[in-house]
PDB file of N, CA and C in Angstrom:
ATOM      1  N   MET A   1       0.726   7.988  18.314  1.00  0.00           N
ATOM      2  CA  MET A   1       0.516   7.771  16.709  1.00  0.00           C
ATOM      3  C   MET A   1       1.485   6.966  15.984  1.00  0.00           C
ATOM      4  N   SER A   2       1.223   6.007  15.070  1.00  0.00           N
ATOM      5  CA  SER A   2       2.199   5.326  14.334  1.00  0.00           C
ATOM      6  C   SER A   2       1.695   5.386  12.944  1.00  0.00           C
ATOM      7  N   ASP A   3       2.919   5.601  12.194  1.00  0.00           N
ATOM      8  CA  ASP A   3       2.514   5.559  10.670  1.00  0.00           C
ATOM      9  C   ASP A   3       3.148   4.517   9.992  1.00  0.00           C
ATOM     10  N   LEU A   4       2.455   3.647   8.972  1.00  0.00           N
ATOM     11  CA  LEU A   4       3.104   2.511   8.545  1.00  0.00           C
ATOM     12  C   LEU A   4       2.995   2.874   6.934  1.00  0.00           C
ATOM     13  N   LEU A   5       4.034   2.244   6.380  1.00  0.00           N
ATOM     14  CA  LEU A   5       4.166   2.089   4.823  1.00  0.00           C
ATOM     15  C   LEU A   5       3.974   0.898   4.358  1.00  0.00           C
ATOM     16  N   ALA A   6       3.038   0.485   3.759  1.00  0.00           N
ATOM     17  CA  ALA A   6       2.754  -0.921   3.195  1.00  0.00           C
ATOM     18  C   ALA A   6       3.043  -0.886   1.690  1.00  0.00           C
ATOM     19  N   ILE A   7       3.981  -1.758   1.470  1.00  0.00           N
ATOM     20  CA  ILE A   7       4.610  -2.029   0.139  1.00  0.00           C
ATOM     21  C   ILE A   7       3.578  -3.123  -0.612  1.00  0.00           C
ATOM     22  N   VAL A   8       3.055  -2.940  -1.681  1.00  0.00           N
ATOM     23  CA  VAL A   8       2.271  -3.850  -2.348  1.00  0.00           C
ATOM     24  C   VAL A   8       2.756  -4.205  -3.668  1.00  0.00           C
ATOM     25  N   GLY A   9       3.170  -5.553  -3.687  1.00  0.00           N
ATOM     26  CA  GLY A   9       3.490  -5.850  -5.215  1.00  0.00           C
ATOM     27  C   GLY A   9       2.361  -6.437  -5.931  1.00  0.00           C
ATOM     28  N   PRO A  10       2.653  -7.070  -7.033  1.00  0.00           N
ATOM     29  CA  PRO A  10       1.606  -7.380  -8.198  1.00  0.00           C
ATOM     30  C   PRO A  10       1.175  -8.955  -7.631  1.00  0.00           C
ATOM     31  N   GLU A  11       2.062  -9.556  -6.703  1.00  0.00           N
ATOM     32  CA  GLU A  11       1.755 -10.858  -6.547  1.00  0.00           C
ATOM     33  C   GLU A  11       1.423 -11.150  -5.041  1.00  0.00           C
ATOM     34  N   ASP A  12       1.384 -10.095  -4.380  1.00  0.00           N
ATOM     35  CA  ASP A  12       1.294 -10.309  -2.787  1.00  0.00           C
ATOM     36  C   ASP A  12      -0.101 -10.678  -2.542  1.00  0.00           C
ATOM     37  N   GLY A  13       0.118 -11.717  -1.192  1.00  0.00           N
ATOM     38  CA  GLY A  13      -1.443 -11.942  -1.034  1.00  0.00           C
ATOM     39  C   GLY A  13      -1.953 -11.133   0.043  1.00  0.00           C
ATOM     40  N   GLU A  14      -2.918 -10.711  -0.211  1.00  0.00           N
ATOM     41  CA  GLU A  14      -3.821  -9.450   0.716  1.00  0.00           C
ATOM     42  C   GLU A  14      -3.884 -10.085   2.124  1.00  0.00           C
ATOM     43  N   ALA A  15      -4.477 -11.259   2.447  1.00  0.00           N
ATOM     44  CA  ALA A  15      -4.790 -11.706   3.763  1.00  0.00           C
ATOM     45  C   ALA A  15      -3.425 -11.565   4.500  1.00  0.00           C
ATOM     46  N   ASP A  16      -2.290 -12.002   3.653  1.00  0.00           N
ATOM     47  CA  ASP A  16      -1.088 -12.122   4.756  1.00  0.00           C
ATOM     48  C   ASP A  16      -0.558 -10.725   4.875  1.00  0.00           C
ATOM     49  N   LEU A  17      -0.633  -9.966   3.983  1.00  0.00           N
ATOM     50  CA  LEU A  17      -0.425  -8.299   4.074  1.00  0.00           C
ATOM     51  C   LEU A  17      -1.064  -7.620   5.082  1.00  0.00           C
ATOM     52  N   ILE A  18      -2.454  -7.832   4.984  1.00  0.00           N
ATOM     53  CA  ILE A  18      -3.230  -7.272   6.003  1.00  0.00           C
ATOM     54  C   ILE A  18      -3.092  -7.795   7.416  1.00  0.00           C
ATOM     55  N   GLU A  19      -2.788  -9.084   7.856  1.00  0.00           N
ATOM     56  CA  GLU A  19      -2.329  -9.566   8.864  1.00  0.00           C
ATOM     57  C   GLU A  19      -0.848  -8.944   9.604  1.00  0.00           C
ATOM     58  N   GLN A  20      -0.191  -8.938   8.569  1.00  0.00           N
ATOM     59  CA  GLN A  20       1.202  -8.193   8.980  1.00  0.00           C
ATOM     60  C   GLN A  20       0.997  -6.670   9.411  1.00  0.00           C
ATOM     61  N   ILE A  21      -0.134  -5.854   8.549  1.00  0.00           N
ATOM     62  CA  ILE A  21      -0.275  -4.488   8.982  1.00  0.00           C
ATOM     63  C   ILE A  21      -0.981  -4.438  10.286  1.00  0.00           C
ATOM     64  N   ALA A  22      -1.897  -5.417  10.503  1.00  0.00           N
ATOM     65  CA  ALA A  22      -2.653  -5.495  11.830  1.00  0.00           C
ATOM     66  C   ALA A  22      -1.853  -5.689  13.121  1.00  0.00           C
ATOM     67  N   SER A  23      -0.828  -6.610  12.730  1.00  0.00           N
ATOM     68  CA  SER A  23       0.135  -6.893  14.031  1.00  0.00           C
ATOM     69  C   SER A  23       0.865  -5.631  14.351  1.00  0.00           C
ATOM     70  N   CYS A  24       0.933  -4.556  13.471  1.00  0.00           N
ATOM     71  CA  CYS A  24       1.803  -3.406  13.855  1.00  0.00           C
ATOM     72  C   CYS A  24       0.981  -2.329  14.644  1.00  0.00           C
ATOM     73  N   ARG A  25      -0.391  -2.663  14.505  1.00  0.00           N
ATOM     74  CA  ARG A  25      -1.303  -1.748  14.940  1.00  0.00           C
ATOM     75  C   ARG A  25      -1.076  -0.213  14.792  1.00  0.00           C
ATOM     76  N   PRO A  26      -1.070   0.155  13.536  1.00  0.00           N
ATOM     77  CA  PRO A  26      -0.910   1.466  13.066  1.00  0.00           C
ATOM     78  C   PRO A  26      -2.205   2.428  13.283  1.00  0.00           C
ATOM     79  N   HIS A  27      -1.829   3.553  13.335  1.00  0.00           N
ATOM     80  CA  HIS A  27      -2.755   4.629  13.172  1.00  0.00           C
ATOM     81  C   HIS A  27      -3.288   5.202  12.018  1.00  0.00           C
ATOM     82  N   ARG A  28      -2.051   5.350  11.259  1.00  0.00           N
ATOM     83  CA  ARG A  28      -2.305   5.621   9.827  1.00  0.00           C
ATOM     84  C   ARG A  28      -1.418   4.727   8.974  1.00  0.00           C
ATOM     85  N   VAL A  29      -2.058   4.599   7.658  1.00  0.00           N
ATOM     86  CA  VAL A  29      -1.154   3.714   6.667  1.00  0.00           C
ATOM     87  C   VAL A  29      -1.163   4.305   5.290  1.00  0.00           C
ATOM     88  N   THR A  30      -0.036   4.338   4.746  1.00  0.00           N
ATOM     89  CA  THR A  30       0.320   4.713   3.453  1.00  0.00           C
ATOM     90  C   THR A  30       0.424   3.425   2.607  1.00  0.00           C
ATOM     91  N   VAL A  31       0.044   3.406   1.359  1.00  0.00           N
ATOM     92  CA  VAL A  31       0.090   2.071   0.456  1.00  0.00           C
ATOM     93  C   VAL A  31       1.093   2.527  -0.635  1.00  0.00           C
ATOM     94  N   LEU A  32       2.329   1.842  -0.829  1.00  0.00           N
ATOM     95  CA  LEU A  32       2.759   2.385  -1.965  1.00  0.00           C
ATOM     96  C   LEU A  32       2.614   0.760  -3.040  1.00  0.00           C
ATOM     97  N   VAL A  33       2.302   0.983  -4.219  1.00  0.00           N
ATOM     98  CA  VAL A  33       2.183   0.080  -5.231  1.00  0.00           C
ATOM     99  C   VAL A  33       3.604  -0.010  -5.882  1.00  0.00           C
ATOM    100  N   ASP A  34       3.950  -1.325  -5.609  1.00  0.00           N
ATOM    101  CA  ASP A  34       5.283  -1.574  -6.414  1.00  0.00           C
ATOM    102  C   ASP A  34       5.143  -2.554  -7.447  1.00  0.00           C
ATOM    103  N   GLY A  35       5.390  -2.144  -8.601  1.00  0.00           N
ATOM    104  CA  GLY A  35       4.967  -2.987  -9.616  1.00  0.00           C
ATOM    105  C   GLY A  35       5.690  -2.632 -10.884  1.00  0.00           C
ATOM    106  N   GLY A  36       6.334  -1.513 -11.188  1.00  0.00           N
ATOM    107  CA  GLY A  36       7.179  -1.067 -12.203  1.00  0.00           C
ATOM    108  C   GLY A  36       6.242  -0.293 -13.217  1.00  0.00           C
ATOM    109  N   ASP A  37       5.023  -0.611 -13.285  1.00  0.00           N
ATOM    110  CA  ASP A  37       4.176  -0.023 -14.361  1.00  0.00           C
ATOM    111  C   ASP A  37       3.622   1.320 -13.802  1.00  0.00           C
ATOM    112  N   ARG A  38       4.226   2.425 -14.114  1.00  0.00           N
ATOM    113  CA  ARG A  38       4.026   3.682 -13.264  1.00  0.00           C
ATOM    114  C   ARG A  38       2.658   4.201 -13.717  1.00  0.00           C
ATOM    115  N   ASP A  39       2.027   3.821 -14.779  1.00  0.00           N
ATOM    116  CA  ASP A  39       0.853   4.403 -15.364  1.00  0.00           C
ATOM    117  C   ASP A  39      -0.372   3.383 -15.104  1.00  0.00           C
ATOM    118  N   TRP A  40      -0.377   2.797 -14.121  1.00  0.00           N
ATOM    119  CA  TRP A  40      -1.256   1.858 -13.744  1.00  0.00           C
ATOM    120  C   TRP A  40      -2.683   2.378 -13.479  1.00  0.00           C
ATOM    121  N   ALA A  41      -2.565   3.538 -12.870  1.00  0.00           N
ATOM    122  CA  ALA A  41      -3.948   4.505 -12.554  1.00  0.00           C
ATOM    123  C   ALA A  41      -4.584   4.766 -13.800  1.00  0.00           C
ATOM    124  N   PHE A  42      -3.805   4.842 -14.948  1.00  0.00           N
ATOM    125  CA  PHE A  42      -4.648   5.266 -16.063  1.00  0.00           C
ATOM    126  C   PHE A  42      -4.875   4.290 -17.133  1.00  0.00           C
ATOM    127  N   ASP A  43      -4.339   3.019 -16.744  1.00  0.00           N
ATOM    128  CA  ASP A  43      -4.402   2.037 -17.874  1.00  0.00           C
ATOM    129  C   ASP A  43      -6.121   1.399 -17.635  1.00  0.00           C
ATOM    130  N   GLU A  44      -6.672   1.481 -19.141  1.00  0.00           N
ATOM    131  CA  GLU A  44      -8.061   1.211 -19.210  1.00  0.00           C
ATOM    132  C   GLU A  44      -8.247  -0.076 -19.723  1.00  0.00           C
ATOM    133  N   SER A  45      -7.034  -1.017 -19.513  1.00  0.00           N
ATOM    134  CA  SER A  45      -7.296  -2.244 -19.999  1.00  0.00           C
ATOM    135  C   SER A  45      -7.731  -3.125 -18.904  1.00  0.00           C
ATOM    136  N   GLY A  46      -8.302  -4.275 -19.095  1.00  0.00           N
ATOM    137  CA  GLY A  46      -8.944  -5.227 -18.234  1.00  0.00           C
ATOM    138  C   GLY A  46      -7.746  -5.483 -17.026  1.00  0.00           C
ATOM    139  N   THR A  47      -6.604  -5.633 -17.254  1.00  0.00           N
ATOM    140  CA  THR A  47      -5.677  -5.620 -16.220  1.00  0.00           C
ATOM    141  C   THR A  47      -5.491  -4.459 -15.370  1.00  0.00           C
ATOM    142  N   GLY A  48      -5.619  -3.327 -16.216  1.00  0.00           N
ATOM    143  CA  GLY A  48      -5.749  -1.969 -15.336  1.00  0.00           C
ATOM    144  C   GLY A  48      -6.759  -1.785 -14.406  1.00  0.00           C
ATOM    145  N   ARG A  49      -7.934  -2.245 -14.785  1.00  0.00           N
ATOM    146  CA  ARG A  49      -9.107  -2.044 -13.873  1.00  0.00           C
ATOM    147  C   ARG A  49      -9.169  -3.180 -12.928  1.00  0.00           C
ATOM    148  N   ALA A  50      -8.688  -4.280 -13.295  1.00  0.00           N
ATOM    149  CA  ALA A  50      -8.585  -5.195 -12.238  1.00  0.00           C
ATOM    150  C   ALA A  50      -7.733  -4.849 -11.094  1.00  0.00           C
ATOM    151  N   ARG A  51      -6.429  -4.360 -11.554  1.00  0.00           N
ATOM    152  CA  ARG A  51      -5.604  -3.689 -10.420  1.00  0.00           C
ATOM    153  C   ARG A  51      -6.128  -2.718  -9.404  1.00  0.00           C
ATOM    154  N   ARG A  52      -6.838  -1.731 -10.055  1.00  0.00           N
ATOM    155  CA  ARG A  52      -7.304  -0.729  -9.393  1.00  0.00           C
ATOM    156  C   ARG A  52      -8.508  -1.239  -8.647  1.00  0.00           C
ATOM    157  N   ASP A  53      -9.185  -2.346  -9.006  1.00  0.00           N
ATOM    158  CA  ASP A  53     -10.212  -2.834  -8.076  1.00  0.00           C
ATOM    159  C   ASP A  53      -9.625  -3.775  -6.988  1.00  0.00           C
ATOM    160  N   ARG A  54      -8.545  -4.231  -7.171  1.00  0.00           N
ATOM    161  CA  ARG A  54      -7.862  -5.006  -6.082  1.00  0.00           C
ATOM    162  C   ARG A  54      -7.258  -4.155  -5.002  1.00  0.00           C
ATOM    163  N   LEU A  55      -6.755  -2.789  -5.561  1.00  0.00           N
ATOM    164  CA  LEU A  55      -6.390  -1.918  -4.576  1.00  0.00           C
ATOM    165  C   LEU A  55      -7.323  -1.299  -3.851  1.00  0.00           C
ATOM    166  N   ALA A  56      -8.561  -0.871  -4.467  1.00  0.00           N
ATOM    167  CA  ALA A  56      -9.808  -0.485  -3.615  1.00  0.00           C
ATOM    168  C   ALA A  56     -10.264  -1.473  -2.481  1.00  0.00           C
ATOM    169  N   ALA A  57     -10.248  -2.773  -2.892  1.00  0.00           N
ATOM    170  CA  ALA A  57     -10.593  -3.718  -1.997  1.00  0.00           C
ATOM    171  C   ALA A  57      -9.479  -3.685  -0.771  1.00  0.00           C
ATOM    172  N   LEU A  58      -8.345  -3.493  -1.135  1.00  0.00           N
ATOM    173  CA  LEU A  58      -7.132  -3.808  -0.156  1.00  0.00           C
ATOM    174  C   LEU A  58      -7.294  -2.670   0.806  1.00  0.00           C
ATOM    175  N   LEU A  59      -7.524  -1.595   0.319  1.00  0.00           N
ATOM    176  CA  LEU A  59      -7.607  -0.241   1.249  1.00  0.00           C
ATOM    177  C   LEU A  59      -8.832  -0.324   2.123  1.00  0.00           C
ATOM    178  N   HIS A  60     -10.091  -0.791   1.650  1.00  0.00           N
ATOM    179  CA  HIS A  60     -11.059  -1.052   2.484  1.00  0.00           C
ATOM    180  C   HIS A  60     -10.583  -2.121   3.642  1.00  0.00           C
ATOM    181  N   SER A  61     -10.066  -3.145   3.177  1.00  0.00           N
ATOM    182  CA  SER A  61      -9.777  -4.308   4.012  1.00  0.00           C
ATOM    183  C   SER A  61      -8.859  -3.828   5.164  1.00  0.00           C
ATOM    184  N   ILE A  62      -7.700  -3.089   4.935  1.00  0.00           N
ATOM    185  CA  ILE A  62      -7.035  -2.427   5.709  1.00  0.00           C
ATOM    186  C   ILE A  62      -7.635  -1.836   6.813  1.00  0.00           C
ATOM    187  N   GLU A  63      -8.468  -0.805   6.387  1.00  0.00           N
ATOM    188  CA  GLU A  63      -9.243   0.065   7.208  1.00  0.00           C
ATOM    189  C   GLU A  63     -10.277  -0.538   8.275  1.00  0.00           C
ATOM    190  N   ARG A  64     -10.942  -1.602   7.622  1.00  0.00           N
ATOM    191  CA  ARG A  64     -11.771  -2.399   8.463  1.00  0.00           C
ATOM    192  C   ARG A  64     -11.013  -3.307   9.229  1.00  0.00           C
ATOM    193  N   ARG A  65     -10.049  -3.918   9.014  1.00  0.00           N
ATOM    194  CA  ARG A  65      -9.444  -4.973   9.917  1.00  0.00           C
ATOM    195  C   ARG A  65      -8.638  -4.311  10.843  1.00  0.00           C
ATOM    196  N   THR A  66      -7.905  -3.109  10.549  1.00  0.00           N
ATOM    197  CA  THR A  66      -7.033  -2.479  11.639  1.00  0.00           C
ATOM    198  C   THR A  66      -7.493  -1.448  12.325  1.00  0.00           C
ATOM    199  N   GLY A  67      -8.578  -0.722  11.861  1.00  0.00           N
ATOM    200  CA  GLY A  67      -9.173   0.559  12.403  1.00  0.00           C
ATOM    201  C   GLY A  67      -8.223   1.614  11.997  1.00  0.00           C
ATOM    202  N   ALA A  68      -7.194   1.522  11.286  1.00  0.00           N
ATOM    203  CA  ALA A  68      -6.399   2.557  10.954  1.00  0.00           C
ATOM    204  C   ALA A  68      -7.049   3.188   9.627  1.00  0.00           C
ATOM    205  N   VAL A  69      -6.472   4.492   9.608  1.00  0.00           N
ATOM    206  CA  VAL A  69      -6.965   5.293   8.496  1.00  0.00           C
ATOM    207  C   VAL A  69      -5.827   5.161   7.542  1.00  0.00           C
ATOM    208  N   VAL A  70      -6.268   5.019   6.132  1.00  0.00           N
ATOM    209  CA  VAL A  70      -5.346   4.842   5.002  1.00  0.00           C
ATOM    210  C   VAL A  70      -5.319   6.221   4.552  1.00  0.00           C
ATOM    211  N   VAL A  71      -4.170   6.976   4.738  1.00  0.00           N
ATOM    212  CA  VAL A  71      -4.041   8.272   4.330  1.00  0.00           C
ATOM    213  C   VAL A  71      -3.487   8.472   2.893  1.00  0.00           C
ATOM    214  N   GLY A  72      -3.040   7.565   2.242  1.00  0.00           N
ATOM    215  CA  GLY A  72      -2.475   7.913   0.965  1.00  0.00           C
ATOM    216  C   GLY A  72      -2.157   6.658   0.210  1.00  0.00           C
ATOM    217  N   LEU A  73      -2.051   6.797  -1.073  1.00  0.00           N
ATOM    218  CA  LEU A  73      -1.603   5.672  -2.152  1.00  0.00           C
ATOM    219  C   LEU A  73      -0.656   6.212  -3.035  1.00  0.00           C
ATOM    220  N   ALA A  74       0.454   5.575  -3.153  1.00  0.00           N
ATOM    221  CA  ALA A  74       1.638   6.144  -4.057  1.00  0.00           C
ATOM    222  C   ALA A  74       1.689   5.061  -5.124  1.00  0.00           C
ATOM    223  N   GLY A  75       2.229   5.582  -6.192  1.00  0.00           N
ATOM    224  CA  GLY A  75       2.768   4.537  -7.131  1.00  0.00           C
ATOM    225  C   GLY A  75       3.987   4.661  -7.294  1.00  0.00           C
ATOM    226  N   ASP A  76       5.035   5.540  -6.843  1.00  0.00           N
ATOM    227  CA  ASP A  76       6.551   5.492  -7.005  1.00  0.00           C
ATOM    228  C   ASP A  76       6.787   6.037  -5.853  1.00  0.00           C
ATOM    229  N   PRO A  77       8.137   5.502  -5.190  1.00  0.00           N
ATOM    230  CA  PRO A  77       8.679   5.944  -4.060  1.00  0.00           C
ATOM    231  C   PRO A  77       9.016   7.418  -3.965  1.00  0.00           C
ATOM    232  N   GLU A  78       9.306   7.906  -5.225  1.00  0.00           N
ATOM    233  CA  GLU A  78       9.636   9.523  -5.294  1.00  0.00           C
ATOM    234  C   GLU A  78       8.567  10.312  -4.620  1.00  0.00           C
ATOM    235  N   GLN A  79       7.438   9.815  -4.699  1.00  0.00           N
ATOM    236  CA  GLN A  79       5.983  10.418  -4.393  1.00  0.00           C
ATOM    237  C   GLN A  79       6.130  10.708  -2.797  1.00  0.00           C
ATOM    238  N   LEU A  80       6.910   9.794  -2.146  1.00  0.00           N
ATOM    239  CA  LEU A  80       7.080   9.706  -0.722  1.00  0.00           C
ATOM    240  C   LEU A  80       8.411  10.456  -0.175  1.00  0.00           C
ATOM    241  N   HIS A  81       9.134  11.075  -0.985  1.00  0.00           N
ATOM    242  CA  HIS A  81      10.352  11.969  -0.484  1.00  0.00           C
ATOM    243  C   HIS A  81      10.004  12.721   0.541  1.00  0.00           C
ATOM    244  N   GLY A  82      10.757  12.464   1.772  1.00  0.00           N
ATOM    245  CA  GLY A  82      10.689  13.373   2.852  1.00  0.00           C
ATOM    246  C   GLY A  82       9.493  13.023   4.054  1.00  0.00           C
ATOM    247  N   TRP A  83       8.861  11.955   3.174  1.00  0.00           N
ATOM    248  CA  TRP A  83       8.113  11.224   4.325  1.00  0.00           C
ATOM    249  C   TRP A  83       8.585  10.365   5.470  1.00  0.00           C
ATOM    250  N   ARG A  84       8.237  10.278   6.462  1.00  0.00           N
ATOM    251  CA  ARG A  84       8.653   9.298   7.717  1.00  0.00           C
ATOM    252  C   ARG A  84       7.546   8.427   8.191  1.00  0.00           C
ATOM    253  N   PHE A  85       8.021   7.204   8.238  1.00  0.00           N
ATOM    254  CA  PHE A  85       7.215   6.234   8.731  1.00  0.00           C
ATOM    255  C   PHE A  85       7.907   5.400  10.100  1.00  0.00           C
ATOM    256  N   ASP A  86       7.015   5.092  10.802  1.00  0.00           N
ATOM    257  CA  ASP A  86       7.515   4.228  11.969  1.00  0.00           C
ATOM    258  C   ASP A  86       7.855   2.826  11.677  1.00  0.00           C
ATOM    259  N   ARG A  87       7.066   2.345  10.707  1.00  0.00           N
ATOM    260  CA  ARG A  87       7.214   1.024  10.208  1.00  0.00           C
ATOM    261  C   ARG A  87       7.134   0.870   8.768  1.00  0.00           C
ATOM    262  N   VAL A  88       7.779  -0.237   8.165  1.00  0.00           N
ATOM    263  CA  VAL A  88       7.635  -0.381   6.737  1.00  0.00           C
ATOM    264  C   VAL A  88       7.499  -1.926   6.552  1.00  0.00           C
ATOM    265  N   ILE A  89       6.308  -2.223   5.799  1.00  0.00           N
ATOM    266  CA  ILE A  89       6.168  -3.581   5.436  1.00  0.00           C
ATOM    267  C   ILE A  89       5.770  -3.973   4.159  1.00  0.00           C
ATOM    268  N   GLY A  90       6.110  -5.016   3.711  1.00  0.00           N
ATOM    269  CA  GLY A  90       5.821  -5.384   2.343  1.00  0.00           C
ATOM    270  C   GLY A  90       6.618  -6.334   1.415  1.00  0.00           C
ATOM    271  N   SER A  91       6.551  -6.082   0.120  1.00  0.00           N
ATOM    272  CA  SER A  91       7.200  -6.930  -0.715  1.00  0.00           C
ATOM    273  C   SER A  91       8.773  -6.778  -0.754  1.00  0.00           C
ATOM    274  N   ARG A  92       9.163  -5.694  -0.555  1.00  0.00           N
ATOM    275  CA  ARG A  92      10.465  -5.252  -0.611  1.00  0.00           C
ATOM    276  C   ARG A  92      10.671  -3.969   0.067  1.00  0.00           C
ATOM    277  N   MET A  93      11.785  -3.462   0.597  1.00  0.00           N
ATOM    278  CA  MET A  93      12.130  -2.164   1.100  1.00  0.00           C
ATOM    279  C   MET A  93      12.318  -1.165   0.134  1.00  0.00           C
ATOM    280  N   PRO A  94      11.568  -0.023   0.128  1.00  0.00           N
ATOM    281  CA  PRO A  94      11.908   0.913  -0.953  1.00  0.00           C
ATOM    282  C   PRO A  94      13.059   1.581  -0.596  1.00  0.00           C
ATOM    283  N   LEU A  95      13.571   2.505  -1.412  1.00  0.00           N
ATOM    284  CA  LEU A  95      14.435   3.266  -1.481  1.00  0.00           C
ATOM    285  C   LEU A  95      14.060   4.216  -0.223  1.00  0.00           C
ATOM    286  N   PRO A  96      15.249   4.902   0.321  1.00  0.00           N
ATOM    287  CA  PRO A  96      14.880   5.911   1.576  1.00  0.00           C
ATOM    288  C   PRO A  96      14.053   6.890   1.014  1.00  0.00           C
ATOM    289  N   VAL A  97      13.253   7.226   2.011  1.00  0.00           N
ATOM    290  CA  VAL A  97      12.048   8.218   1.590  1.00  0.00           C
ATOM    291  C   VAL A  97      12.289   9.470   2.673  1.00  0.00           C
TER     292      VAL A  97
END
């Protein structure tokens, strides 16, 4: 089994990120939303809804393209305290988790 952490920033291109994930051949993927706005999940503005729609489409694409299971979605690196990953890819390296 391989566990991968994918860090998604607001400007990241989904196609490139999905290809990076697929090249790692993970069994499980956790997605960390890196963007500074910690209330994105509750933002009812057009921007907030668009971000959630983008994330839903990304999670679906990851599962479809890689065959991996998306096991979680985090909005803050602190939520991943104590978790271990075999690989980390994305917009920037997170604080140690």
